[in-house]
Amino acid sequence: MLFDYISAALVTLLVTLDPPALAPIFISLTRGMNAAERKRVALRAAIIAFGILAFFGLGGELLLRLLGVGIPAFRISGGLLLFWIAFEMVFERRNERKQHTADVAITEDHIRNVAAFPLAIPLMAGPGAITAVILLAGRANGDVLFLSSLLILIALGVISCFLVFMAAERVSRMLGVTGNIVLSRLLGVILAGLAVQFIINGVEALFRGAPL
């Protein structure tokens, strides 16, 4: 059961974080920086993103309870949100929006703040990743082992983003335009399947009258 949880959580986090798709945006945001400056930006963004996702992983469910939102309802709404993100990935709309966000930030924010916005928020720890983390934490049902595994997986996901940032130019050049498009759409299809499963689990929980 733990293995199934880890497998599903790892795939969900990697798909929602989508490190390869962030590579060209990172290059755009750090244009004109040297290698050391890029490394500092990537490291700071990774730390901020981990902190945000870990916070929602540990306290997101409590926050929902304070707001009067049940886990089944959030599973359904979160699944719908993830499905929309998957739809945008398949039809190349998500990358266009991310690139637009990056372009705006370059003109409005000082280069020192690039790591926090828009790199950490909302490109890394965006609505999709935050939603996924809260849903995955809900599946853990308060189990310390499951929650610990989730935190480790969040760290692995963020580290994967950091490594991609460090090799951004090489990865983007290696995949090429066609490779980036194919990978983005493939990840979108996978995320769509996971999103539908979240919705199904939420509906089942509502009919049973008990949270998952």
N, C-alpha and C. Protein backbone atom coordinates (compact mmCIF):
# COMPACT_ATOMS: atom_id res chain seq x y z
N MET A 1 0.84 -1.21 0.00
CA MET A 1 0.00 0.00 0.00
C MET A 1 0.87 1.26 0.00
N LEU A 2 1.93 1.23 0.81
CA LEU A 2 2.85 2.36 0.84
C LEU A 2 3.52 2.55 -0.51
N PHE A 3 3.88 1.43 -1.15
CA PHE A 3 4.53 1.50 -2.46
C PHE A 3 3.60 2.13 -3.49
N ASP A 4 2.31 1.74 -3.45
CA ASP A 4 1.33 2.32 -4.38
C ASP A 4 1.19 3.82 -4.14
N TYR A 5 1.18 4.20 -2.87
CA TYR A 5 1.05 5.63 -2.54
C TYR A 5 2.26 6.41 -3.04
N ILE A 6 3.44 5.87 -2.79
CA ILE A 6 4.68 6.54 -3.21
C ILE A 6 4.73 6.66 -4.73
N SER A 7 4.35 5.58 -5.43
CA SER A 7 4.38 5.60 -6.89
C SER A 7 3.44 6.66 -7.45
N ALA A 8 2.19 6.67 -6.94
CA ALA A 8 1.21 7.65 -7.41
C ALA A 8 1.63 9.07 -7.07
N ALA A 9 2.15 9.26 -5.85
CA ALA A 9 2.56 10.59 -5.41
C ALA A 9 3.74 11.10 -6.23
N LEU A 10 4.70 10.23 -6.50
CA LEU A 10 5.88 10.64 -7.26
C LEU A 10 5.51 11.08 -8.67
N VAL A 11 4.66 10.28 -9.32
CA VAL A 11 4.23 10.62 -10.68
C VAL A 11 3.45 11.93 -10.68
N THR A 12 2.53 12.06 -9.72
CA THR A 12 1.70 13.27 -9.64
C THR A 12 2.55 14.52 -9.44
N LEU A 13 3.51 14.45 -8.53
CA LEU A 13 4.35 15.61 -8.25
C LEU A 13 5.24 15.98 -9.43
N LEU A 14 5.83 14.96 -10.06
CA LEU A 14 6.71 15.24 -11.20
C LEU A 14 5.92 15.84 -12.37
N VAL A 15 4.70 15.34 -12.55
CA VAL A 15 3.88 15.85 -13.65
C VAL A 15 3.42 17.28 -13.38
N THR A 16 2.99 17.56 -12.14
CA THR A 16 2.50 18.91 -11.83
C THR A 16 3.65 19.92 -11.74
N LEU A 17 4.80 19.49 -11.23
CA LEU A 17 5.96 20.38 -11.21
C LEU A 17 6.51 20.58 -12.61
N ASP A 18 6.49 19.51 -13.41
CA ASP A 18 6.88 19.57 -14.83
C ASP A 18 8.24 20.24 -15.03
N PRO A 19 9.31 19.69 -14.45
CA PRO A 19 10.65 20.30 -14.55
C PRO A 19 11.12 20.61 -15.97
N PRO A 20 10.96 19.68 -16.95
CA PRO A 20 11.46 19.99 -18.31
C PRO A 20 10.82 21.24 -18.92
N ALA A 21 9.53 21.46 -18.63
CA ALA A 21 8.84 22.62 -19.19
C ALA A 21 9.34 23.93 -18.59
N LEU A 22 9.94 23.84 -17.39
CA LEU A 22 10.45 25.05 -16.74
C LEU A 22 11.82 25.46 -17.25
N ALA A 23 12.51 24.53 -17.92
CA ALA A 23 13.88 24.81 -18.38
C ALA A 23 13.97 26.05 -19.27
N PRO A 24 13.17 26.14 -20.35
CA PRO A 24 13.28 27.34 -21.19
C PRO A 24 12.86 28.62 -20.48
N ILE A 25 11.93 28.51 -19.53
CA ILE A 25 11.50 29.70 -18.79
C ILE A 25 12.61 30.16 -17.85
N PHE A 26 13.30 29.20 -17.23
CA PHE A 26 14.42 29.54 -16.36
C PHE A 26 15.50 30.27 -17.15
N ILE A 27 15.76 29.79 -18.36
CA ILE A 27 16.75 30.44 -19.22
C ILE A 27 16.34 31.88 -19.50
N SER A 28 15.04 32.07 -19.78
CA SER A 28 14.52 33.40 -20.08
C SER A 28 14.63 34.33 -18.87
N LEU A 29 14.28 33.80 -17.69
CA LEU A 29 14.30 34.61 -16.47
C LEU A 29 15.70 34.99 -16.03
N THR A 30 16.67 34.14 -16.33
CA THR A 30 18.04 34.39 -15.87
C THR A 30 18.96 34.85 -16.99
N ARG A 31 18.37 35.31 -18.07
CA ARG A 31 19.17 35.79 -19.19
C ARG A 31 20.09 36.93 -18.73
N GLY A 32 21.36 36.84 -19.08
CA GLY A 32 22.33 37.86 -18.70
C GLY A 32 23.07 37.53 -17.41
N MET A 33 22.63 36.49 -16.68
CA MET A 33 23.32 36.10 -15.45
C MET A 33 24.46 35.13 -15.77
N ASN A 34 25.47 35.12 -14.89
CA ASN A 34 26.53 34.13 -15.04
C ASN A 34 26.13 32.84 -14.34
N ALA A 35 26.97 31.81 -14.41
CA ALA A 35 26.64 30.49 -13.87
C ALA A 35 26.40 30.54 -12.36
N ALA A 36 27.21 31.29 -11.63
CA ALA A 36 27.06 31.38 -10.18
C ALA A 36 25.74 32.05 -9.79
N GLU A 37 25.37 33.09 -10.51
CA GLU A 37 24.12 33.79 -10.23
C GLU A 37 22.92 32.90 -10.54
N ARG A 38 23.00 32.16 -11.64
CA ARG A 38 21.92 31.23 -11.97
C ARG A 38 21.76 30.16 -10.90
N LYS A 39 22.88 29.68 -10.39
CA LYS A 39 22.82 28.65 -9.35
C LYS A 39 22.16 29.19 -8.09
N ARG A 40 22.48 30.43 -7.71
CA ARG A 40 21.86 31.03 -6.52
C ARG A 40 20.35 31.21 -6.71
N VAL A 41 19.96 31.65 -7.89
CA VAL A 41 18.53 31.81 -8.19
C VAL A 41 17.82 30.46 -8.12
N ALA A 42 18.41 29.43 -8.74
CA ALA A 42 17.80 28.11 -8.75
C ALA A 42 17.68 27.53 -7.35
N LEU A 43 18.73 27.70 -6.54
CA LEU A 43 18.73 27.16 -5.18
C LEU A 43 17.69 27.86 -4.31
N ARG A 44 17.63 29.19 -4.41
CA ARG A 44 16.65 29.94 -3.62
C ARG A 44 15.23 29.58 -4.02
N ALA A 45 14.98 29.46 -5.31
CA ALA A 45 13.65 29.09 -5.80
C ALA A 45 13.26 27.71 -5.30
N ALA A 46 14.21 26.77 -5.31
CA ALA A 46 13.93 25.41 -4.85
C ALA A 46 13.58 25.39 -3.37
N ILE A 47 14.31 26.15 -2.57
CA ILE A 47 14.05 26.20 -1.12
C ILE A 47 12.68 26.81 -0.84
N ILE A 48 12.36 27.90 -1.53
CA ILE A 48 11.05 28.55 -1.33
C ILE A 48 9.92 27.62 -1.75
N ALA A 49 10.06 26.99 -2.91
CA ALA A 49 9.02 26.09 -3.41
C ALA A 49 8.81 24.92 -2.46
N PHE A 50 9.91 24.35 -1.94
CA PHE A 50 9.78 23.23 -0.99
C PHE A 50 9.04 23.68 0.26
N GLY A 51 9.40 24.85 0.79
CA GLY A 51 8.74 25.35 1.99
C GLY A 51 7.24 25.52 1.80
N ILE A 52 6.85 26.06 0.66
CA ILE A 52 5.43 26.27 0.38
C ILE A 52 4.69 24.94 0.26
N LEU A 53 5.24 24.02 -0.53
CA LEU A 53 4.59 22.73 -0.75
C LEU A 53 4.55 21.90 0.53
N ALA A 54 5.63 21.96 1.33
CA ALA A 54 5.65 21.23 2.59
C ALA A 54 4.61 21.79 3.55
N PHE A 55 4.46 23.11 3.57
CA PHE A 55 3.46 23.75 4.43
C PHE A 55 2.06 23.26 4.09
N PHE A 56 1.72 23.25 2.79
CA PHE A 56 0.39 22.79 2.39
C PHE A 56 0.24 21.29 2.56
N GLY A 57 1.35 20.55 2.46
CA GLY A 57 1.28 19.11 2.68
C GLY A 57 0.96 18.77 4.13
N LEU A 58 1.52 19.53 5.06
CA LEU A 58 1.32 19.26 6.48
C LEU A 58 0.11 19.99 7.06
N GLY A 59 -0.18 21.18 6.53
CA GLY A 59 -1.27 21.97 7.12
C GLY A 59 -2.41 22.28 6.20
N GLY A 60 -2.34 21.81 4.95
CA GLY A 60 -3.39 22.11 3.99
C GLY A 60 -4.74 21.55 4.37
N GLU A 61 -4.74 20.31 4.88
CA GLU A 61 -6.01 19.68 5.26
C GLU A 61 -6.64 20.41 6.44
N LEU A 62 -5.82 20.82 7.42
CA LEU A 62 -6.32 21.58 8.57
C LEU A 62 -6.91 22.90 8.10
N LEU A 63 -6.24 23.55 7.17
CA LEU A 63 -6.74 24.81 6.62
C LEU A 63 -8.10 24.62 5.96
N LEU A 64 -8.25 23.51 5.23
CA LEU A 64 -9.53 23.22 4.59
C LEU A 64 -10.63 23.02 5.63
N ARG A 65 -10.29 22.33 6.72
CA ARG A 65 -11.29 22.10 7.77
C ARG A 65 -11.72 23.42 8.41
N LEU A 66 -10.76 24.31 8.63
CA LEU A 66 -11.09 25.61 9.20
C LEU A 66 -12.00 26.40 8.28
N LEU A 67 -11.84 26.18 6.98
CA LEU A 67 -12.68 26.86 5.99
C LEU A 67 -14.00 26.12 5.75
N GLY A 68 -14.14 24.94 6.37
CA GLY A 68 -15.36 24.17 6.21
C GLY A 68 -15.45 23.40 4.91
N VAL A 69 -14.31 23.11 4.32
CA VAL A 69 -14.27 22.36 3.05
C VAL A 69 -13.82 20.93 3.34
N GLY A 70 -14.65 19.95 2.97
CA GLY A 70 -14.32 18.55 3.20
C GLY A 70 -13.32 18.04 2.18
N ILE A 71 -12.60 16.99 2.57
CA ILE A 71 -11.62 16.39 1.67
C ILE A 71 -12.27 15.84 0.40
N PRO A 72 -13.43 15.16 0.49
CA PRO A 72 -14.06 14.68 -0.75
C PRO A 72 -14.36 15.81 -1.74
N ALA A 73 -14.89 16.93 -1.21
CA ALA A 73 -15.19 18.07 -2.07
C ALA A 73 -13.91 18.64 -2.69
N PHE A 74 -12.84 18.68 -1.89
CA PHE A 74 -11.58 19.20 -2.42
C PHE A 74 -10.97 18.24 -3.43
N ARG A 75 -11.19 16.94 -3.21
CA ARG A 75 -10.70 15.96 -4.19
C ARG A 75 -11.36 16.20 -5.55
N ILE A 76 -12.66 16.44 -5.53
CA ILE A 76 -13.38 16.67 -6.78
C ILE A 76 -12.94 17.97 -7.44
N SER A 77 -12.93 19.06 -6.64
CA SER A 77 -12.53 20.35 -7.21
C SER A 77 -11.06 20.33 -7.63
N GLY A 78 -10.23 19.70 -6.81
CA GLY A 78 -8.81 19.60 -7.15
C GLY A 78 -8.58 18.76 -8.39
N GLY A 79 -9.35 17.68 -8.50
CA GLY A 79 -9.25 16.84 -9.69
C GLY A 79 -9.65 17.59 -10.94
N LEU A 80 -10.70 18.42 -10.82
CA LEU A 80 -11.12 19.23 -11.97
C LEU A 80 -10.04 20.24 -12.36
N LEU A 81 -9.40 20.85 -11.34
CA LEU A 81 -8.33 21.80 -11.61
C LEU A 81 -7.15 21.12 -12.30
N LEU A 82 -6.77 19.95 -11.78
CA LEU A 82 -5.65 19.21 -12.38
C LEU A 82 -6.00 18.78 -13.80
N PHE A 83 -7.27 18.43 -14.03
CA PHE A 83 -7.68 18.04 -15.38
C PHE A 83 -7.57 19.23 -16.33
N TRP A 84 -7.93 20.41 -15.84
CA TRP A 84 -7.81 21.61 -16.68
C TRP A 84 -6.35 21.89 -17.02
N ILE A 85 -5.48 21.72 -16.03
CA ILE A 85 -4.05 21.90 -16.28
C ILE A 85 -3.56 20.89 -17.31
N ALA A 86 -4.04 19.64 -17.18
CA ALA A 86 -3.67 18.60 -18.15
C ALA A 86 -4.16 18.96 -19.54
N PHE A 87 -5.38 19.50 -19.61
CA PHE A 87 -5.95 19.93 -20.89
C PHE A 87 -5.06 21.00 -21.54
N GLU A 88 -4.62 21.96 -20.71
CA GLU A 88 -3.76 23.02 -21.22
C GLU A 88 -2.41 22.48 -21.67
N MET A 89 -1.90 21.48 -20.95
CA MET A 89 -0.61 20.88 -21.32
C MET A 89 -0.72 20.17 -22.67
N VAL A 90 -1.80 19.44 -22.86
CA VAL A 90 -1.99 18.68 -24.11
C VAL A 90 -2.12 19.63 -25.29
N PHE A 91 -2.80 20.76 -25.08
CA PHE A 91 -3.03 21.71 -26.17
C PHE A 91 -2.08 22.91 -26.12
N GLU A 92 -0.97 22.77 -25.37
CA GLU A 92 0.11 23.75 -25.38
C GLU A 92 -0.28 25.13 -24.86
N ARG A 93 -1.33 25.21 -24.05
CA ARG A 93 -1.73 26.51 -23.53
C ARG A 93 -0.99 26.87 -22.25
N ARG A 94 -0.62 25.85 -21.47
CA ARG A 94 0.03 26.10 -20.18
C ARG A 94 1.39 26.75 -20.36
N ASN A 95 2.18 26.24 -21.29
CA ASN A 95 3.51 26.80 -21.51
C ASN A 95 3.44 28.24 -22.01
N GLU A 96 2.41 28.53 -22.84
CA GLU A 96 2.24 29.90 -23.33
C GLU A 96 1.95 30.84 -22.17
N ARG A 97 1.10 30.40 -21.22
CA ARG A 97 0.77 31.24 -20.08
C ARG A 97 1.99 31.42 -19.17
N LYS A 98 2.75 30.33 -18.96
CA LYS A 98 3.95 30.43 -18.14
C LYS A 98 4.96 31.39 -18.74
N GLN A 99 5.13 31.30 -20.05
CA GLN A 99 6.09 32.17 -20.72
C GLN A 99 5.66 33.63 -20.61
N HIS A 100 4.34 33.87 -20.73
CA HIS A 100 3.81 35.23 -20.60
C HIS A 100 4.08 35.76 -19.19
N THR A 101 3.86 34.90 -18.18
CA THR A 101 4.12 35.29 -16.79
C THR A 101 5.59 35.66 -16.61
N ALA A 102 6.46 34.86 -17.20
CA ALA A 102 7.89 35.11 -17.09
C ALA A 102 8.27 36.44 -17.74
N ASP A 103 7.73 36.70 -18.91
CA ASP A 103 8.05 37.93 -19.63
C ASP A 103 7.61 39.16 -18.84
N VAL A 104 6.42 39.08 -18.23
CA VAL A 104 5.92 40.21 -17.45
C VAL A 104 6.81 40.45 -16.24
N ALA A 105 7.21 39.34 -15.58
CA ALA A 105 8.01 39.47 -14.36
C ALA A 105 9.35 40.11 -14.63
N ILE A 106 9.94 39.83 -15.77
CA ILE A 106 11.24 40.38 -16.10
C ILE A 106 11.18 41.90 -16.15
N THR A 107 10.09 42.45 -16.62
CA THR A 107 9.98 43.90 -16.76
C THR A 107 9.54 44.56 -15.46
N GLU A 108 8.89 43.85 -14.56
CA GLU A 108 8.30 44.46 -13.38
C GLU A 108 9.08 44.18 -12.09
N ASP A 109 9.83 43.13 -12.04
CA ASP A 109 10.52 42.75 -10.81
C ASP A 109 12.02 42.80 -10.98
N HIS A 110 12.66 43.19 -9.92
CA HIS A 110 14.12 43.22 -9.94
C HIS A 110 14.64 41.80 -10.02
N ILE A 111 15.81 41.66 -10.61
CA ILE A 111 16.36 40.32 -10.85
C ILE A 111 16.58 39.54 -9.55
N ARG A 112 16.75 40.26 -8.43
CA ARG A 112 16.96 39.57 -7.15
C ARG A 112 15.71 38.84 -6.70
N ASN A 113 14.55 39.26 -7.18
CA ASN A 113 13.30 38.64 -6.75
C ASN A 113 12.81 37.55 -7.69
N VAL A 114 13.55 37.30 -8.76
CA VAL A 114 13.13 36.31 -9.75
C VAL A 114 12.94 34.93 -9.13
N ALA A 115 13.80 34.58 -8.17
CA ALA A 115 13.71 33.26 -7.55
C ALA A 115 12.38 33.06 -6.84
N ALA A 116 11.91 34.13 -6.16
CA ALA A 116 10.65 34.02 -5.43
C ALA A 116 9.45 34.13 -6.36
N PHE A 117 9.50 35.11 -7.24
CA PHE A 117 8.41 35.31 -8.20
C PHE A 117 8.99 35.72 -9.54
N PRO A 118 8.66 35.01 -10.61
CA PRO A 118 7.64 33.96 -10.69
C PRO A 118 8.18 32.53 -10.63
N LEU A 119 9.48 32.35 -10.34
CA LEU A 119 10.04 31.00 -10.44
C LEU A 119 9.47 30.05 -9.38
N ALA A 120 9.61 30.42 -8.08
CA ALA A 120 9.07 29.56 -7.02
C ALA A 120 7.55 29.60 -7.02
N ILE A 121 7.01 30.83 -7.10
CA ILE A 121 5.56 31.03 -7.15
C ILE A 121 5.25 31.91 -8.36
N PRO A 122 4.42 31.53 -9.29
CA PRO A 122 3.60 30.31 -9.28
C PRO A 122 4.11 29.21 -10.22
N LEU A 123 5.33 29.35 -10.76
CA LEU A 123 5.76 28.37 -11.76
C LEU A 123 6.10 27.01 -11.16
N MET A 124 6.71 26.98 -9.97
CA MET A 124 7.01 25.70 -9.32
C MET A 124 5.89 25.32 -8.35
N ALA A 125 5.71 26.12 -7.32
CA ALA A 125 4.64 25.86 -6.35
C ALA A 125 3.39 26.60 -6.79
N GLY A 126 2.83 26.17 -7.91
CA GLY A 126 1.63 26.78 -8.45
C GLY A 126 0.37 26.10 -7.95
N PRO A 127 -0.79 26.53 -8.43
CA PRO A 127 -2.06 25.92 -8.00
C PRO A 127 -2.11 24.42 -8.19
N GLY A 128 -1.58 23.94 -9.32
CA GLY A 128 -1.62 22.50 -9.60
C GLY A 128 -0.81 21.71 -8.60
N ALA A 129 0.42 22.14 -8.32
CA ALA A 129 1.29 21.43 -7.38
C ALA A 129 0.73 21.50 -5.96
N ILE A 130 0.23 22.67 -5.56
CA ILE A 130 -0.34 22.82 -4.22
C ILE A 130 -1.57 21.94 -4.06
N THR A 131 -2.43 21.93 -5.07
CA THR A 131 -3.62 21.08 -5.04
C THR A 131 -3.22 19.62 -4.93
N ALA A 132 -2.26 19.21 -5.73
CA ALA A 132 -1.81 17.81 -5.71
C ALA A 132 -1.27 17.42 -4.34
N VAL A 133 -0.49 18.30 -3.72
CA VAL A 133 0.09 18.02 -2.41
C VAL A 133 -0.99 17.87 -1.35
N ILE A 134 -1.99 18.74 -1.36
CA ILE A 134 -3.07 18.65 -0.38
C ILE A 134 -3.86 17.36 -0.58
N LEU A 135 -4.12 17.00 -1.83
CA LEU A 135 -4.85 15.76 -2.11
C LEU A 135 -4.05 14.54 -1.67
N LEU A 136 -2.77 14.55 -1.94
CA LEU A 136 -1.91 13.42 -1.54
C LEU A 136 -1.80 13.33 -0.03
N ALA A 137 -1.74 14.47 0.65
CA ALA A 137 -1.70 14.47 2.11
C ALA A 137 -3.01 13.92 2.67
N GLY A 138 -4.13 14.23 2.00
CA GLY A 138 -5.42 13.69 2.42
C GLY A 138 -5.46 12.18 2.33
N ARG A 139 -4.83 11.63 1.31
CA ARG A 139 -4.78 10.17 1.14
C ARG A 139 -3.93 9.52 2.23
N ALA A 140 -3.02 10.26 2.83
CA ALA A 140 -2.15 9.71 3.87
C ALA A 140 -2.92 9.45 5.17
N ASN A 141 -4.07 10.11 5.34
CA ASN A 141 -4.92 9.91 6.51
C ASN A 141 -4.17 10.10 7.84
N GLY A 142 -3.24 11.04 7.85
CA GLY A 142 -2.52 11.31 9.09
C GLY A 142 -1.43 10.33 9.45
N ASP A 143 -1.19 9.34 8.60
CA ASP A 143 -0.14 8.35 8.85
C ASP A 143 1.23 9.02 8.75
N VAL A 144 2.02 8.92 9.82
CA VAL A 144 3.33 9.58 9.86
C VAL A 144 4.25 9.08 8.76
N LEU A 145 4.23 7.77 8.51
CA LEU A 145 5.09 7.19 7.48
C LEU A 145 4.73 7.71 6.09
N PHE A 146 3.42 7.80 5.82
CA PHE A 146 2.96 8.29 4.53
C PHE A 146 3.30 9.77 4.36
N LEU A 147 3.07 10.55 5.42
CA LEU A 147 3.36 11.99 5.34
C LEU A 147 4.86 12.24 5.21
N SER A 148 5.66 11.44 5.91
CA SER A 148 7.12 11.56 5.78
C SER A 148 7.56 11.24 4.36
N SER A 149 6.93 10.20 3.79
CA SER A 149 7.24 9.83 2.40
C SER A 149 6.87 10.97 1.46
N LEU A 150 5.73 11.63 1.73
CA LEU A 150 5.29 12.74 0.89
C LEU A 150 6.30 13.89 0.94
N LEU A 151 6.79 14.21 2.13
CA LEU A 151 7.77 15.29 2.26
C LEU A 151 9.06 14.96 1.51
N ILE A 152 9.47 13.69 1.59
CA ILE A 152 10.67 13.26 0.86
C ILE A 152 10.46 13.38 -0.64
N LEU A 153 9.26 13.00 -1.08
CA LEU A 153 8.94 13.07 -2.51
C LEU A 153 8.86 14.52 -2.99
N ILE A 154 8.33 15.40 -2.14
CA ILE A 154 8.31 16.83 -2.48
C ILE A 154 9.74 17.33 -2.65
N ALA A 155 10.61 16.92 -1.72
CA ALA A 155 12.02 17.31 -1.81
C ALA A 155 12.65 16.79 -3.09
N LEU A 156 12.36 15.53 -3.44
CA LEU A 156 12.91 14.95 -4.67
C LEU A 156 12.41 15.69 -5.90
N GLY A 157 11.11 16.06 -5.87
CA GLY A 157 10.55 16.80 -7.00
C GLY A 157 11.20 18.16 -7.17
N VAL A 158 11.40 18.85 -6.05
CA VAL A 158 12.03 20.17 -6.09
C VAL A 158 13.49 20.06 -6.51
N ILE A 159 14.17 19.01 -6.02
CA ILE A 159 15.57 18.79 -6.41
C ILE A 159 15.67 18.52 -7.90
N SER A 160 14.68 17.77 -8.43
CA SER A 160 14.69 17.51 -9.88
C SER A 160 14.57 18.82 -10.67
N CYS A 161 13.76 19.75 -10.15
CA CYS A 161 13.65 21.07 -10.79
C CYS A 161 14.98 21.80 -10.74
N PHE A 162 15.63 21.74 -9.57
CA PHE A 162 16.93 22.40 -9.41
C PHE A 162 17.96 21.84 -10.39
N LEU A 163 17.99 20.52 -10.52
CA LEU A 163 18.95 19.88 -11.44
C LEU A 163 18.66 20.26 -12.89
N VAL A 164 17.36 20.34 -13.22
CA VAL A 164 16.99 20.76 -14.58
C VAL A 164 17.42 22.20 -14.82
N PHE A 165 17.24 23.06 -13.81
CA PHE A 165 17.67 24.45 -13.95
C PHE A 165 19.17 24.54 -14.22
N MET A 166 19.93 23.69 -13.51
CA MET A 166 21.38 23.70 -13.67
C MET A 166 21.81 23.24 -15.06
N ALA A 167 20.96 22.39 -15.65
CA ALA A 167 21.28 21.89 -17.00
C ALA A 167 20.28 22.41 -18.01
N ALA A 168 19.68 23.58 -17.71
CA ALA A 168 18.57 24.10 -18.52
C ALA A 168 18.91 24.24 -19.99
N GLU A 169 20.01 24.88 -20.27
CA GLU A 169 20.37 25.11 -21.66
C GLU A 169 20.61 23.80 -22.40
N ARG A 170 21.30 22.87 -21.72
CA ARG A 170 21.60 21.58 -22.34
C ARG A 170 20.33 20.77 -22.58
N VAL A 171 19.41 20.75 -21.57
CA VAL A 171 18.16 19.99 -21.69
C VAL A 171 17.30 20.54 -22.81
N SER A 172 17.14 21.86 -22.85
CA SER A 172 16.31 22.49 -23.88
C SER A 172 16.86 22.22 -25.27
N ARG A 173 18.19 22.29 -25.37
CA ARG A 173 18.83 22.05 -26.66
C ARG A 173 18.71 20.58 -27.06
N MET A 174 18.81 19.68 -26.08
CA MET A 174 18.75 18.25 -26.35
C MET A 174 17.35 17.82 -26.80
N LEU A 175 16.32 18.32 -26.10
CA LEU A 175 14.95 17.95 -26.45
C LEU A 175 14.50 18.61 -27.75
N GLY A 176 14.92 19.85 -27.95
CA GLY A 176 14.48 20.57 -29.14
C GLY A 176 13.03 20.98 -29.02
N VAL A 177 12.55 21.70 -29.99
CA VAL A 177 11.16 22.17 -29.98
C VAL A 177 10.19 21.00 -30.01
N THR A 178 10.42 20.05 -30.91
CA THR A 178 9.52 18.90 -31.04
C THR A 178 9.53 18.05 -29.78
N GLY A 179 10.71 17.81 -29.22
CA GLY A 179 10.82 17.01 -28.01
C GLY A 179 10.08 17.62 -26.84
N ASN A 180 10.21 18.95 -26.67
CA ASN A 180 9.50 19.64 -25.59
C ASN A 180 7.99 19.53 -25.74
N ILE A 181 7.51 19.65 -26.98
CA ILE A 181 6.07 19.56 -27.25
C ILE A 181 5.56 18.16 -26.95
N VAL A 182 6.28 17.15 -27.43
CA VAL A 182 5.86 15.75 -27.22
C VAL A 182 5.85 15.41 -25.74
N LEU A 183 6.90 15.80 -25.01
CA LEU A 183 6.99 15.51 -23.58
C LEU A 183 5.87 16.19 -22.81
N SER A 184 5.60 17.45 -23.13
CA SER A 184 4.54 18.20 -22.44
C SER A 184 3.18 17.55 -22.64
N ARG A 185 2.90 17.12 -23.85
CA ARG A 185 1.60 16.50 -24.14
C ARG A 185 1.48 15.12 -23.50
N LEU A 186 2.58 14.38 -23.48
CA LEU A 186 2.56 13.06 -22.84
C LEU A 186 2.29 13.20 -21.35
N LEU A 187 2.97 14.15 -20.69
CA LEU A 187 2.74 14.40 -19.28
C LEU A 187 1.31 14.88 -19.03
N GLY A 188 0.76 15.63 -19.97
CA GLY A 188 -0.62 16.10 -19.85
C GLY A 188 -1.61 14.97 -19.85
N VAL A 189 -1.39 13.98 -20.72
CA VAL A 189 -2.28 12.81 -20.78
C VAL A 189 -2.22 12.02 -19.47
N ILE A 190 -1.00 11.85 -18.94
CA ILE A 190 -0.84 11.13 -17.67
C ILE A 190 -1.55 11.88 -16.54
N LEU A 191 -1.36 13.19 -16.49
CA LEU A 191 -2.00 14.00 -15.45
C LEU A 191 -3.52 13.95 -15.56
N ALA A 192 -4.05 13.89 -16.77
CA ALA A 192 -5.50 13.81 -16.97
C ALA A 192 -6.05 12.54 -16.33
N GLY A 193 -5.33 11.42 -16.52
CA GLY A 193 -5.76 10.16 -15.91
C GLY A 193 -5.74 10.24 -14.40
N LEU A 194 -4.69 10.82 -13.83
CA LEU A 194 -4.61 10.97 -12.38
C LEU A 194 -5.71 11.90 -11.86
N ALA A 195 -6.02 12.95 -12.61
CA ALA A 195 -7.06 13.90 -12.20
C ALA A 195 -8.43 13.22 -12.15
N VAL A 196 -8.72 12.42 -13.17
CA VAL A 196 -10.00 11.70 -13.20
C VAL A 196 -10.10 10.75 -12.01
N GLN A 197 -8.97 10.10 -11.66
CA GLN A 197 -8.98 9.20 -10.51
C GLN A 197 -9.26 9.95 -9.22
N PHE A 198 -8.71 11.15 -9.07
CA PHE A 198 -9.00 11.98 -7.90
C PHE A 198 -10.49 12.29 -7.82
N ILE A 199 -11.09 12.62 -8.96
CA ILE A 199 -12.52 12.94 -9.00
C ILE A 199 -13.36 11.73 -8.61
N ILE A 200 -13.01 10.57 -9.16
CA ILE A 200 -13.73 9.33 -8.85
C ILE A 200 -13.65 9.03 -7.35
N ASN A 201 -12.45 9.17 -6.78
CA ASN A 201 -12.28 8.92 -5.34
C ASN A 201 -13.11 9.89 -4.51
N GLY A 202 -13.19 11.14 -4.94
CA GLY A 202 -13.98 12.13 -4.22
C GLY A 202 -15.46 11.83 -4.27
N VAL A 203 -15.95 11.43 -5.44
CA VAL A 203 -17.37 11.08 -5.60
C VAL A 203 -17.71 9.86 -4.75
N GLU A 204 -16.83 8.86 -4.77
CA GLU A 204 -17.06 7.66 -3.96
C GLU A 204 -17.13 8.00 -2.48
N ALA A 205 -16.24 8.89 -2.03
CA ALA A 205 -16.22 9.29 -0.63
C ALA A 205 -17.50 10.03 -0.25
N LEU A 206 -18.01 10.86 -1.14
CA LEU A 206 -19.26 11.58 -0.88
C LEU A 206 -20.42 10.61 -0.72
N PHE A 207 -20.47 9.60 -1.58
CA PHE A 207 -21.55 8.62 -1.50
C PHE A 207 -21.44 7.76 -0.24
N ARG A 208 -20.21 7.51 0.20
CA ARG A 208 -20.03 6.72 1.42
C ARG A 208 -20.26 7.56 2.66
N GLY A 209 -20.15 8.91 2.48
CA GLY A 209 -20.37 9.80 3.61
C GLY A 209 -19.18 9.90 4.54
N ALA A 210 -17.99 9.49 4.03
CA ALA A 210 -16.80 9.54 4.87
C ALA A 210 -15.63 9.99 4.02
N PRO A 211 -14.73 10.83 4.58
CA PRO A 211 -13.56 11.28 3.82
C PRO A 211 -12.60 10.14 3.56
N LEU A 212 -11.86 10.26 2.43
CA LEU A 212 -10.85 9.25 2.11
C LEU A 212 -9.61 9.46 2.96
